[in-house]
Amino acid sequence: MNRFYRFEVETNNSSVGIYEAVDRDCSRDDIRRQKKPDGSWLPKVGMDYPGAISFWSDYGLKKYIDSGLLMWHVSVINGQVFVQIINKPEKIMYEDEFQIICYPADIQVDSKVALNIFLQKH
């Protein structure tokens, strides 16, 4: 079964993807960005699909965690991080070895887990 994972940050009863939270909470000229791990391995195609959201594949998830990007992201955002877990949806707008991109209406969230609990299992 193909599982996919999305990191979301909750603040004030709303949630955004972790990349959006980083852009919101850590400006481009923020000194903390000097310690950001390299993320150039991830194709940046999300902007080609306005309104769509992305999920990590198992391979992408491992790369995201092992690269140090996840923990750096967590260190610069304000809010609690949760992981949405889904099965592979039928309708996918984009797919590569690291991620899938789809529209929220096309997904069914199977579970939502707090980051600390998720990391204990992965």
N, C-alpha and C. Protein backbone atom coordinates (compact mmCIF):
# COMPACT_ATOMS: atom_id res chain seq x y z
N MET A 1 0.85 -1.18 0.00
CA MET A 1 0.00 0.00 0.00
C MET A 1 0.89 1.24 0.00
N ASN A 2 0.64 2.15 -0.91
CA ASN A 2 1.41 3.38 -0.98
C ASN A 2 0.87 4.41 0.00
N ARG A 3 1.72 4.80 0.95
CA ARG A 3 1.35 5.82 1.93
C ARG A 3 2.11 7.10 1.60
N PHE A 4 1.47 8.23 1.89
CA PHE A 4 2.07 9.54 1.65
C PHE A 4 1.84 10.41 2.87
N TYR A 5 2.73 11.38 3.07
CA TYR A 5 2.79 12.12 4.33
C TYR A 5 2.89 13.62 4.08
N ARG A 6 2.10 14.39 4.83
CA ARG A 6 2.13 15.84 4.74
C ARG A 6 2.30 16.42 6.13
N PHE A 7 3.25 17.33 6.26
CA PHE A 7 3.51 18.01 7.53
C PHE A 7 2.76 19.32 7.54
N GLU A 8 1.89 19.48 8.53
CA GLU A 8 1.10 20.70 8.65
C GLU A 8 1.35 21.33 10.01
N VAL A 9 1.25 22.66 10.03
CA VAL A 9 1.47 23.43 11.25
C VAL A 9 0.16 24.08 11.64
N GLU A 10 -0.27 23.82 12.87
CA GLU A 10 -1.52 24.39 13.36
C GLU A 10 -1.24 25.56 14.30
N THR A 11 -1.90 26.68 14.01
CA THR A 11 -1.87 27.86 14.88
C THR A 11 -3.24 28.50 14.83
N ASN A 12 -3.76 28.88 15.97
CA ASN A 12 -5.05 29.58 16.05
C ASN A 12 -6.16 28.89 15.25
N ASN A 13 -6.30 27.59 15.44
CA ASN A 13 -7.38 26.82 14.80
C ASN A 13 -7.33 26.79 13.28
N SER A 14 -6.17 27.06 12.69
CA SER A 14 -6.02 26.90 11.25
C SER A 14 -4.70 26.18 11.00
N SER A 15 -4.57 25.60 9.83
CA SER A 15 -3.34 24.88 9.53
C SER A 15 -2.85 25.21 8.13
N VAL A 16 -1.53 25.17 7.99
CA VAL A 16 -0.87 25.37 6.69
C VAL A 16 0.22 24.32 6.58
N GLY A 17 0.66 24.06 5.36
CA GLY A 17 1.77 23.16 5.15
C GLY A 17 3.03 23.72 5.79
N ILE A 18 3.96 22.85 6.13
CA ILE A 18 5.15 23.28 6.86
C ILE A 18 6.00 24.25 6.04
N TYR A 19 6.07 24.07 4.72
CA TYR A 19 6.85 25.00 3.89
C TYR A 19 6.22 26.39 3.93
N GLU A 20 4.91 26.46 3.88
CA GLU A 20 4.22 27.75 3.97
C GLU A 20 4.45 28.39 5.34
N ALA A 21 4.45 27.57 6.39
CA ALA A 21 4.71 28.09 7.74
C ALA A 21 6.13 28.63 7.85
N VAL A 22 7.10 27.97 7.23
CA VAL A 22 8.47 28.47 7.25
C VAL A 22 8.54 29.83 6.56
N ASP A 23 7.92 29.95 5.39
CA ASP A 23 7.91 31.24 4.69
C ASP A 23 7.25 32.32 5.54
N ARG A 24 6.22 31.96 6.27
CA ARG A 24 5.49 32.90 7.12
C ARG A 24 6.32 33.32 8.34
N ASP A 25 7.00 32.36 8.95
CA ASP A 25 7.64 32.59 10.25
C ASP A 25 9.14 32.87 10.19
N CYS A 26 9.75 32.70 9.04
CA CYS A 26 11.20 32.87 8.91
C CYS A 26 11.49 33.58 7.59
N SER A 27 11.57 34.90 7.64
CA SER A 27 11.73 35.70 6.42
C SER A 27 13.02 35.33 5.69
N ARG A 28 13.08 35.66 4.43
CA ARG A 28 14.23 35.31 3.58
C ARG A 28 15.55 35.88 4.11
N ASP A 29 15.49 36.99 4.84
CA ASP A 29 16.71 37.59 5.37
C ASP A 29 16.96 37.22 6.84
N ASP A 30 16.20 36.29 7.37
CA ASP A 30 16.36 35.84 8.75
C ASP A 30 17.70 35.10 8.89
N ILE A 31 18.45 35.45 9.91
CA ILE A 31 19.77 34.84 10.13
C ILE A 31 19.69 33.33 10.33
N ARG A 32 18.55 32.82 10.79
CA ARG A 32 18.40 31.37 10.99
C ARG A 32 18.50 30.60 9.68
N ARG A 33 18.25 31.27 8.57
CA ARG A 33 18.34 30.59 7.26
C ARG A 33 19.77 30.20 6.91
N GLN A 34 20.74 30.80 7.56
CA GLN A 34 22.14 30.44 7.30
C GLN A 34 22.43 29.00 7.72
N LYS A 35 21.62 28.46 8.62
CA LYS A 35 21.82 27.09 9.09
C LYS A 35 20.89 26.09 8.40
N LYS A 36 20.15 26.56 7.41
CA LYS A 36 19.19 25.68 6.72
C LYS A 36 19.94 24.62 5.91
N PRO A 37 19.60 23.35 6.11
CA PRO A 37 20.21 22.29 5.29
C PRO A 37 19.83 22.44 3.82
N ASP A 38 20.65 21.88 2.96
CA ASP A 38 20.41 21.94 1.52
C ASP A 38 19.14 21.18 1.15
N GLY A 39 18.26 21.84 0.43
CA GLY A 39 17.03 21.20 -0.03
C GLY A 39 16.92 21.20 -1.54
N SER A 40 18.05 21.42 -2.23
CA SER A 40 18.02 21.53 -3.69
C SER A 40 17.68 20.21 -4.38
N TRP A 41 17.71 19.11 -3.65
CA TRP A 41 17.38 17.80 -4.21
C TRP A 41 15.89 17.66 -4.52
N LEU A 42 15.05 18.50 -3.91
CA LEU A 42 13.60 18.39 -4.11
C LEU A 42 13.16 19.26 -5.28
N PRO A 43 12.55 18.67 -6.32
CA PRO A 43 12.02 19.48 -7.42
C PRO A 43 10.98 20.47 -6.90
N LYS A 44 11.11 21.72 -7.26
CA LYS A 44 10.21 22.79 -6.80
C LYS A 44 9.14 23.02 -7.87
N VAL A 45 8.09 22.23 -7.83
CA VAL A 45 7.05 22.30 -8.87
C VAL A 45 5.68 22.68 -8.32
N GLY A 46 5.57 22.84 -7.02
CA GLY A 46 4.28 23.12 -6.40
C GLY A 46 3.58 24.35 -6.93
N MET A 47 4.35 25.39 -7.27
CA MET A 47 3.76 26.63 -7.77
C MET A 47 3.07 26.44 -9.12
N ASP A 48 3.39 25.36 -9.80
CA ASP A 48 2.75 25.07 -11.09
C ASP A 48 1.31 24.58 -10.91
N TYR A 49 0.91 24.31 -9.67
CA TYR A 49 -0.41 23.76 -9.38
C TYR A 49 -1.08 24.57 -8.27
N PRO A 50 -1.54 25.78 -8.59
CA PRO A 50 -2.15 26.65 -7.56
C PRO A 50 -3.30 25.95 -6.84
N GLY A 51 -3.28 26.04 -5.52
CA GLY A 51 -4.33 25.42 -4.72
C GLY A 51 -4.08 23.97 -4.38
N ALA A 52 -3.07 23.36 -5.00
CA ALA A 52 -2.76 21.96 -4.72
C ALA A 52 -1.85 21.86 -3.50
N ILE A 53 -1.76 20.67 -2.93
CA ILE A 53 -0.90 20.42 -1.78
C ILE A 53 -0.02 19.21 -2.07
N SER A 54 1.09 19.12 -1.36
CA SER A 54 2.04 18.04 -1.64
C SER A 54 2.16 17.10 -0.44
N PHE A 55 2.52 15.88 -0.75
CA PHE A 55 2.73 14.83 0.24
C PHE A 55 4.04 14.12 -0.10
N TRP A 56 4.79 13.76 0.93
CA TRP A 56 6.02 13.00 0.74
C TRP A 56 5.72 11.53 0.45
N SER A 57 6.48 10.93 -0.45
CA SER A 57 6.48 9.48 -0.61
C SER A 57 7.33 8.90 0.53
N ASP A 58 7.36 7.59 0.67
CA ASP A 58 8.22 6.97 1.69
C ASP A 58 9.68 7.38 1.47
N TYR A 59 10.11 7.34 0.22
CA TYR A 59 11.49 7.71 -0.11
C TYR A 59 11.74 9.19 0.20
N GLY A 60 10.83 10.05 -0.22
CA GLY A 60 10.97 11.48 0.04
C GLY A 60 10.96 11.79 1.52
N LEU A 61 10.11 11.10 2.27
CA LEU A 61 10.04 11.29 3.72
C LEU A 61 11.39 10.98 4.37
N LYS A 62 11.98 9.86 3.98
CA LYS A 62 13.29 9.48 4.54
C LYS A 62 14.33 10.54 4.20
N LYS A 63 14.34 10.99 2.96
CA LYS A 63 15.30 12.02 2.53
C LYS A 63 15.07 13.32 3.30
N TYR A 64 13.83 13.71 3.47
CA TYR A 64 13.46 14.94 4.19
C TYR A 64 13.95 14.89 5.64
N ILE A 65 13.74 13.76 6.29
CA ILE A 65 14.18 13.60 7.68
C ILE A 65 15.71 13.53 7.75
N ASP A 66 16.31 12.66 6.92
CA ASP A 66 17.76 12.45 6.97
C ASP A 66 18.56 13.69 6.59
N SER A 67 18.00 14.54 5.73
CA SER A 67 18.71 15.75 5.29
C SER A 67 18.80 16.80 6.39
N GLY A 68 17.99 16.66 7.43
CA GLY A 68 17.95 17.66 8.49
C GLY A 68 16.94 18.77 8.24
N LEU A 69 16.34 18.77 7.04
CA LEU A 69 15.38 19.83 6.70
C LEU A 69 14.16 19.83 7.62
N LEU A 70 13.63 18.66 7.92
CA LEU A 70 12.45 18.61 8.79
C LEU A 70 12.72 19.30 10.12
N MET A 71 13.80 18.91 10.78
CA MET A 71 14.06 19.47 12.11
C MET A 71 14.40 20.96 12.03
N TRP A 72 15.05 21.39 10.94
CA TRP A 72 15.29 22.82 10.79
C TRP A 72 13.96 23.54 10.61
N HIS A 73 13.08 23.01 9.77
CA HIS A 73 11.76 23.61 9.59
C HIS A 73 11.06 23.74 10.94
N VAL A 74 11.04 22.67 11.71
CA VAL A 74 10.37 22.68 13.01
C VAL A 74 10.98 23.75 13.93
N SER A 75 12.28 23.96 13.82
CA SER A 75 12.95 24.91 14.71
C SER A 75 12.62 26.37 14.42
N VAL A 76 12.11 26.67 13.22
CA VAL A 76 11.87 28.08 12.86
C VAL A 76 10.40 28.45 12.75
N ILE A 77 9.50 27.50 12.96
CA ILE A 77 8.07 27.80 12.81
C ILE A 77 7.41 27.99 14.16
N ASN A 78 6.28 28.68 14.13
CA ASN A 78 5.45 28.86 15.32
C ASN A 78 4.19 28.03 15.15
N GLY A 79 3.96 27.11 16.06
CA GLY A 79 2.78 26.26 15.98
C GLY A 79 3.14 24.81 16.19
N GLN A 80 2.12 23.99 16.29
CA GLN A 80 2.32 22.56 16.51
C GLN A 80 2.27 21.83 15.18
N VAL A 81 3.22 20.91 14.99
CA VAL A 81 3.32 20.16 13.74
C VAL A 81 2.59 18.83 13.87
N PHE A 82 1.78 18.55 12.85
CA PHE A 82 1.08 17.27 12.73
C PHE A 82 1.41 16.66 11.38
N VAL A 83 1.28 15.36 11.29
CA VAL A 83 1.51 14.66 10.03
C VAL A 83 0.20 14.04 9.58
N GLN A 84 -0.21 14.39 8.36
CA GLN A 84 -1.37 13.76 7.74
C GLN A 84 -0.86 12.57 6.94
N ILE A 85 -1.53 11.45 7.06
CA ILE A 85 -1.14 10.24 6.34
C ILE A 85 -2.30 9.84 5.45
N ILE A 86 -1.98 9.61 4.17
CA ILE A 86 -3.01 9.22 3.20
C ILE A 86 -2.54 8.01 2.40
N ASN A 87 -3.48 7.31 1.80
CA ASN A 87 -3.17 6.34 0.77
C ASN A 87 -3.08 7.09 -0.55
N LYS A 88 -2.44 6.49 -1.52
CA LYS A 88 -2.26 7.14 -2.82
C LYS A 88 -3.62 7.45 -3.43
N PRO A 89 -3.89 8.74 -3.72
CA PRO A 89 -5.18 9.09 -4.32
C PRO A 89 -5.22 8.70 -5.80
N GLU A 90 -6.41 8.58 -6.33
CA GLU A 90 -6.57 8.24 -7.74
C GLU A 90 -6.11 9.37 -8.65
N LYS A 91 -6.41 10.60 -8.25
CA LYS A 91 -6.10 11.75 -9.10
C LYS A 91 -4.89 12.50 -8.54
N ILE A 92 -3.79 12.45 -9.29
CA ILE A 92 -2.54 13.10 -8.90
C ILE A 92 -2.14 14.05 -10.02
N MET A 93 -1.80 15.28 -9.65
CA MET A 93 -1.42 16.28 -10.65
C MET A 93 0.05 16.15 -11.05
N TYR A 94 0.88 15.72 -10.10
CA TYR A 94 2.32 15.59 -10.35
C TYR A 94 2.86 14.51 -9.42
N GLU A 95 3.85 13.79 -9.90
CA GLU A 95 4.48 12.77 -9.07
C GLU A 95 5.94 12.61 -9.47
N ASP A 96 6.82 12.52 -8.48
CA ASP A 96 8.21 12.13 -8.70
C ASP A 96 8.61 11.20 -7.56
N GLU A 97 9.87 10.85 -7.45
CA GLU A 97 10.27 9.88 -6.43
C GLU A 97 10.10 10.39 -5.01
N PHE A 98 10.04 11.71 -4.83
CA PHE A 98 9.98 12.31 -3.50
C PHE A 98 8.57 12.66 -3.04
N GLN A 99 7.68 12.95 -3.97
CA GLN A 99 6.42 13.60 -3.60
C GLN A 99 5.31 13.35 -4.62
N ILE A 100 4.10 13.61 -4.16
CA ILE A 100 2.96 13.74 -5.06
C ILE A 100 2.32 15.10 -4.77
N ILE A 101 1.68 15.64 -5.80
CA ILE A 101 0.95 16.89 -5.65
C ILE A 101 -0.47 16.64 -6.14
N CYS A 102 -1.43 17.02 -5.31
CA CYS A 102 -2.83 16.81 -5.65
C CYS A 102 -3.68 17.91 -5.01
N TYR A 103 -4.93 17.95 -5.39
CA TYR A 103 -5.83 18.95 -4.83
C TYR A 103 -6.51 18.38 -3.59
N PRO A 104 -6.74 19.24 -2.59
CA PRO A 104 -7.33 18.77 -1.33
C PRO A 104 -8.63 17.98 -1.52
N ALA A 105 -9.43 18.36 -2.49
CA ALA A 105 -10.70 17.66 -2.71
C ALA A 105 -10.49 16.21 -3.17
N ASP A 106 -9.29 15.89 -3.66
CA ASP A 106 -9.02 14.56 -4.20
C ASP A 106 -8.36 13.62 -3.20
N ILE A 107 -8.21 14.05 -1.95
CA ILE A 107 -7.56 13.20 -0.97
C ILE A 107 -8.49 12.86 0.19
N GLN A 108 -8.18 11.76 0.82
CA GLN A 108 -8.87 11.32 2.03
C GLN A 108 -7.80 11.09 3.09
N VAL A 109 -7.81 11.89 4.15
CA VAL A 109 -6.82 11.74 5.21
C VAL A 109 -7.18 10.51 6.05
N ASP A 110 -6.26 9.55 6.10
CA ASP A 110 -6.49 8.33 6.88
C ASP A 110 -6.20 8.53 8.35
N SER A 111 -5.16 9.29 8.64
CA SER A 111 -4.84 9.58 10.04
C SER A 111 -4.04 10.87 10.13
N LYS A 112 -4.09 11.45 11.32
CA LYS A 112 -3.37 12.69 11.62
C LYS A 112 -2.69 12.47 12.96
N VAL A 113 -1.36 12.62 12.98
CA VAL A 113 -0.57 12.26 14.15
C VAL A 113 0.34 13.43 14.53
N ALA A 114 0.49 13.68 15.82
CA ALA A 114 1.44 14.70 16.27
C ALA A 114 2.85 14.29 15.85
N LEU A 115 3.67 15.27 15.51
CA LEU A 115 5.01 15.00 14.99
C LEU A 115 5.83 14.11 15.92
N ASN A 116 5.84 14.39 17.21
CA ASN A 116 6.67 13.60 18.13
C ASN A 116 6.26 12.13 18.13
N ILE A 117 4.99 11.85 18.04
CA ILE A 117 4.51 10.46 17.99
C ILE A 117 4.88 9.83 16.65
N PHE A 118 4.72 10.58 15.57
CA PHE A 118 5.08 10.09 14.24
C PHE A 118 6.56 9.71 14.18
N LEU A 119 7.42 10.57 14.70
CA LEU A 119 8.86 10.32 14.63
C LEU A 119 9.27 9.12 15.48
N GLN A 120 8.54 8.81 16.53
CA GLN A 120 8.85 7.63 17.34
C GLN A 120 8.63 6.35 16.53
N LYS A 121 7.74 6.41 15.56
CA LYS A 121 7.40 5.23 14.76
C LYS A 121 8.18 5.16 13.45
N HIS A 122 8.85 6.24 13.09
CA HIS A 122 9.58 6.27 11.82
C HIS A 122 11.04 6.50 12.09
